[in-house]
């Protein structure tokens, strides 16, 4: 991430993916929308080290295992949200992937 805009966008993207995943269905059962904000912030800090869906799954696994239950949040169990997260990060130009090689986002101009 190059600047504050990238950070804010990463917070939005990671938050969207993690809240949609809602691993314990806490949000679906009425928990506050900020239920996973700590985990989302920790995951955003790892975005610069995410270069694949596998990296994203491992990052999710590490954070959610520490916060909740290690045996439930293996990298394999986090593969689907990891793939979704990497795809969204790539789509928005926040990671280098099939759709992006850290080219400036044309919607925002050069950094």
C-alpha atoms as a PDB file:
ATOM      1  CA  UNK A   1       0.000   0.000   0.000  1.00  0.00           C
ATOM      2  CA  UNK A   2       1.375   3.317  -1.038  1.00  0.00           C
ATOM      3  CA  UNK A   3      -0.682   5.849   0.896  1.00  0.00           C
ATOM      4  CA  UNK A   4      -3.625   6.522   3.197  1.00  0.00           C
ATOM      5  CA  UNK A   5      -6.112   6.005   0.341  1.00  0.00           C
ATOM      6  CA  UNK A   6      -4.745   2.512  -0.240  1.00  0.00           C
ATOM      7  CA  UNK A   7      -5.000   1.796   3.496  1.00  0.00           C
ATOM      8  CA  UNK A   8      -8.624   3.003   3.625  1.00  0.00           C
ATOM      9  CA  UNK A   9      -9.469   0.977   0.532  1.00  0.00           C
ATOM     10  CA  UNK A  10      -7.796  -2.112   2.016  1.00  0.00           C
ATOM     11  CA  UNK A  11      -9.843  -1.671   5.210  1.00  0.00           C
ATOM     12  CA  UNK A  12     -12.988  -1.537   3.114  1.00  0.00           C
ATOM     13  CA  UNK A  13     -12.086  -4.571   0.980  1.00  0.00           C
ATOM     14  CA  UNK A  14     -10.865  -6.737   3.861  1.00  0.00           C
ATOM     15  CA  UNK A  15     -13.850  -5.706   5.975  1.00  0.00           C
ATOM     16  CA  UNK A  16     -16.292  -6.567   3.218  1.00  0.00           C
ATOM     17  CA  UNK A  17     -14.796 -10.033   2.649  1.00  0.00           C
ATOM     18  CA  UNK A  18     -14.412 -10.903   6.342  1.00  0.00           C
ATOM     19  CA  UNK A  19     -17.902  -9.690   7.286  1.00  0.00           C
ATOM     20  CA  UNK A  20     -19.420 -11.631   4.392  1.00  0.00           C
ATOM     21  CA  UNK A  21     -17.548 -14.739   5.551  1.00  0.00           C
ATOM     22  CA  UNK A  22     -18.837 -14.233   9.137  1.00  0.00           C
ATOM     23  CA  UNK A  23     -17.120 -17.423  10.266  1.00  0.00           C
ATOM     24  CA  UNK A  24     -19.231 -17.922  13.403  1.00  0.00           C
ATOM     25  CA  UNK A  25     -22.426 -16.349  11.999  1.00  0.00           C
ATOM     26  CA  UNK A  26     -22.101 -13.727  14.720  1.00  0.00           C
ATOM     27  CA  UNK A  27     -23.128 -10.873  12.458  1.00  0.00           C
ATOM     28  CA  UNK A  28     -26.032 -12.857  11.052  1.00  0.00           C
ATOM     29  CA  UNK A  29     -27.255 -13.429  14.596  1.00  0.00           C
ATOM     30  CA  UNK A  30     -27.165  -9.759  15.527  1.00  0.00           C
ATOM     31  CA  UNK A  31     -23.621  -9.036  16.720  1.00  0.00           C
ATOM     32  CA  UNK A  32     -22.438  -5.449  16.153  1.00  0.00           C
ATOM     33  CA  UNK A  33     -21.036  -4.664  12.709  1.00  0.00           C
ATOM     34  CA  UNK A  34     -17.649  -3.940  14.293  1.00  0.00           C
ATOM     35  CA  UNK A  35     -17.363  -7.472  15.723  1.00  0.00           C
ATOM     36  CA  UNK A  36     -14.331  -8.348  13.581  1.00  0.00           C
ATOM     37  CA  UNK A  37     -12.706  -4.903  13.392  1.00  0.00           C
ATOM     38  CA  UNK A  38      -9.611  -5.981  15.338  1.00  0.00           C
ATOM     39  CA  UNK A  39      -9.024  -8.989  13.087  1.00  0.00           C
ATOM     40  CA  UNK A  40      -9.704  -6.873   9.987  1.00  0.00           C
ATOM     41  CA  UNK A  41      -7.128  -4.280  11.067  1.00  0.00           C
ATOM     42  CA  UNK A  42      -4.565  -7.007  11.742  1.00  0.00           C
ATOM     43  CA  UNK A  43      -5.244  -8.508   8.328  1.00  0.00           C
ATOM     44  CA  UNK A  44      -4.896  -5.138   6.579  1.00  0.00           C
ATOM     45  CA  UNK A  45      -1.435  -4.832   8.133  1.00  0.00           C
ATOM     46  CA  UNK A  46      -0.513  -8.078   6.355  1.00  0.00           C
ATOM     47  CA  UNK A  47      -1.775  -7.023   2.908  1.00  0.00           C
ATOM     48  CA  UNK A  48       1.716  -5.987   1.689  1.00  0.00           C
ATOM     49  CA  UNK A  49       2.839  -9.597   2.257  1.00  0.00           C
ATOM     50  CA  UNK A  50      -0.089 -11.176   0.409  1.00  0.00           C
ATOM     51  CA  UNK A  51       0.938 -12.291  -3.075  1.00  0.00           C
ATOM     52  CA  UNK A  52      -1.494 -15.170  -3.638  1.00  0.00           C
ATOM     53  CA  UNK A  53      -4.747 -16.715  -2.444  1.00  0.00           C
ATOM     54  CA  UNK A  54      -2.636 -19.108  -0.362  1.00  0.00           C
ATOM     55  CA  UNK A  55      -0.881 -16.190   1.334  1.00  0.00           C
ATOM     56  CA  UNK A  56      -4.273 -14.642   2.104  1.00  0.00           C
ATOM     57  CA  UNK A  57      -5.575 -17.933   3.530  1.00  0.00           C
ATOM     58  CA  UNK A  58      -2.498 -18.263   5.749  1.00  0.00           C
ATOM     59  CA  UNK A  59      -2.885 -14.675   6.984  1.00  0.00           C
ATOM     60  CA  UNK A  60      -6.566 -15.212   7.805  1.00  0.00           C
ATOM     61  CA  UNK A  61      -5.725 -18.505   9.502  1.00  0.00           C
ATOM     62  CA  UNK A  62      -3.006 -16.969  11.671  1.00  0.00           C
ATOM     63  CA  UNK A  63      -5.147 -14.047  12.802  1.00  0.00           C
ATOM     64  CA  UNK A  64      -8.388 -15.921  13.395  1.00  0.00           C
ATOM     65  CA  UNK A  65      -6.605 -18.867  15.037  1.00  0.00           C
ATOM     66  CA  UNK A  66      -5.033 -16.540  17.566  1.00  0.00           C
ATOM     67  CA  UNK A  67      -8.272 -14.650  18.207  1.00  0.00           C
ATOM     68  CA  UNK A  68     -10.599 -17.650  18.306  1.00  0.00           C
ATOM     69  CA  UNK A  69      -9.916 -21.378  17.903  1.00  0.00           C
ATOM     70  CA  UNK A  70      -6.738 -22.643  16.191  1.00  0.00           C
ATOM     71  CA  UNK A  71      -8.206 -25.986  15.179  1.00  0.00           C
ATOM     72  CA  UNK A  72     -11.122 -24.349  13.352  1.00  0.00           C
ATOM     73  CA  UNK A  73      -9.071 -21.835  11.401  1.00  0.00           C
ATOM     74  CA  UNK A  74      -6.514 -23.910   9.552  1.00  0.00           C
ATOM     75  CA  UNK A  75      -5.177 -22.545   6.260  1.00  0.00           C
ATOM     76  CA  UNK A  76      -7.335 -25.140   4.512  1.00  0.00           C
ATOM     77  CA  UNK A  77     -10.463 -23.942   6.333  1.00  0.00           C
ATOM     78  CA  UNK A  78      -9.580 -20.376   5.342  1.00  0.00           C
ATOM     79  CA  UNK A  79      -8.923 -21.201   1.674  1.00  0.00           C
ATOM     80  CA  UNK A  80     -12.247 -19.914   0.346  1.00  0.00           C
ATOM     81  CA  UNK A  81     -12.195 -16.530   2.104  1.00  0.00           C
ATOM     82  CA  UNK A  82      -8.485 -16.336   1.263  1.00  0.00           C
ATOM     83  CA  UNK A  83      -9.251 -16.764  -2.431  1.00  0.00           C
ATOM     84  CA  UNK A  84     -12.044 -14.191  -2.237  1.00  0.00           C
ATOM     85  CA  UNK A  85      -9.824 -11.738  -0.381  1.00  0.00           C
ATOM     86  CA  UNK A  86      -6.936 -12.090  -2.803  1.00  0.00           C
ATOM     87  CA  UNK A  87      -9.267 -11.685  -5.793  1.00  0.00           C
ATOM     88  CA  UNK A  88     -10.765  -8.486  -4.361  1.00  0.00           C
ATOM     89  CA  UNK A  89      -7.362  -7.073  -3.398  1.00  0.00           C
ATOM     90  CA  UNK A  90      -6.060  -7.856  -6.878  1.00  0.00           C
ATOM     91  CA  UNK A  91      -9.150  -6.379  -8.518  1.00  0.00           C
ATOM     92  CA  UNK A  92      -8.690  -3.117  -6.616  1.00  0.00           C
ATOM     93  CA  UNK A  93      -4.958  -2.951  -7.370  1.00  0.00           C
ATOM     94  CA  UNK A  94      -3.797  -3.402  -3.769  1.00  0.00           C
ATOM     95  CA  UNK A  95      -1.661  -6.494  -4.481  1.00  0.00           C
ATOM     96  CA  UNK A  96       0.300  -7.822  -7.424  1.00  0.00           C
ATOM     97  CA  UNK A  97      -1.653 -10.627  -9.017  1.00  0.00           C
ATOM     98  CA  UNK A  98      -3.032 -11.822 -12.342  1.00  0.00           C
ATOM     99  CA  UNK A  99      -4.927  -8.560 -12.877  1.00  0.00           C
ATOM    100  CA  UNK A 100      -2.351  -6.153 -11.481  1.00  0.00           C
ATOM    101  CA  UNK A 101       1.369  -5.645 -11.251  1.00  0.00           C
ATOM    102  CA  UNK A 102       1.172  -2.643  -8.928  1.00  0.00           C
ATOM    103  CA  UNK A 103       0.231  -0.389 -11.830  1.00  0.00           C
ATOM    104  CA  UNK A 104      -1.214   2.961 -10.736  1.00  0.00           C
ATOM    105  CA  UNK A 105      -4.975   2.754 -10.328  1.00  0.00           C
ATOM    106  CA  UNK A 106      -6.367   4.780 -13.258  1.00  0.00           C
ATOM    107  CA  UNK A 107      -9.372   5.803 -11.177  1.00  0.00           C
ATOM    108  CA  UNK A 108      -7.118   7.529  -8.644  1.00  0.00           C
ATOM    109  CA  UNK A 109      -4.279   8.685 -10.857  1.00  0.00           C
ATOM    110  CA  UNK A 110      -0.675   8.048  -9.980  1.00  0.00           C
ATOM    111  CA  UNK A 111       0.423   7.947  -6.356  1.00  0.00           C
END
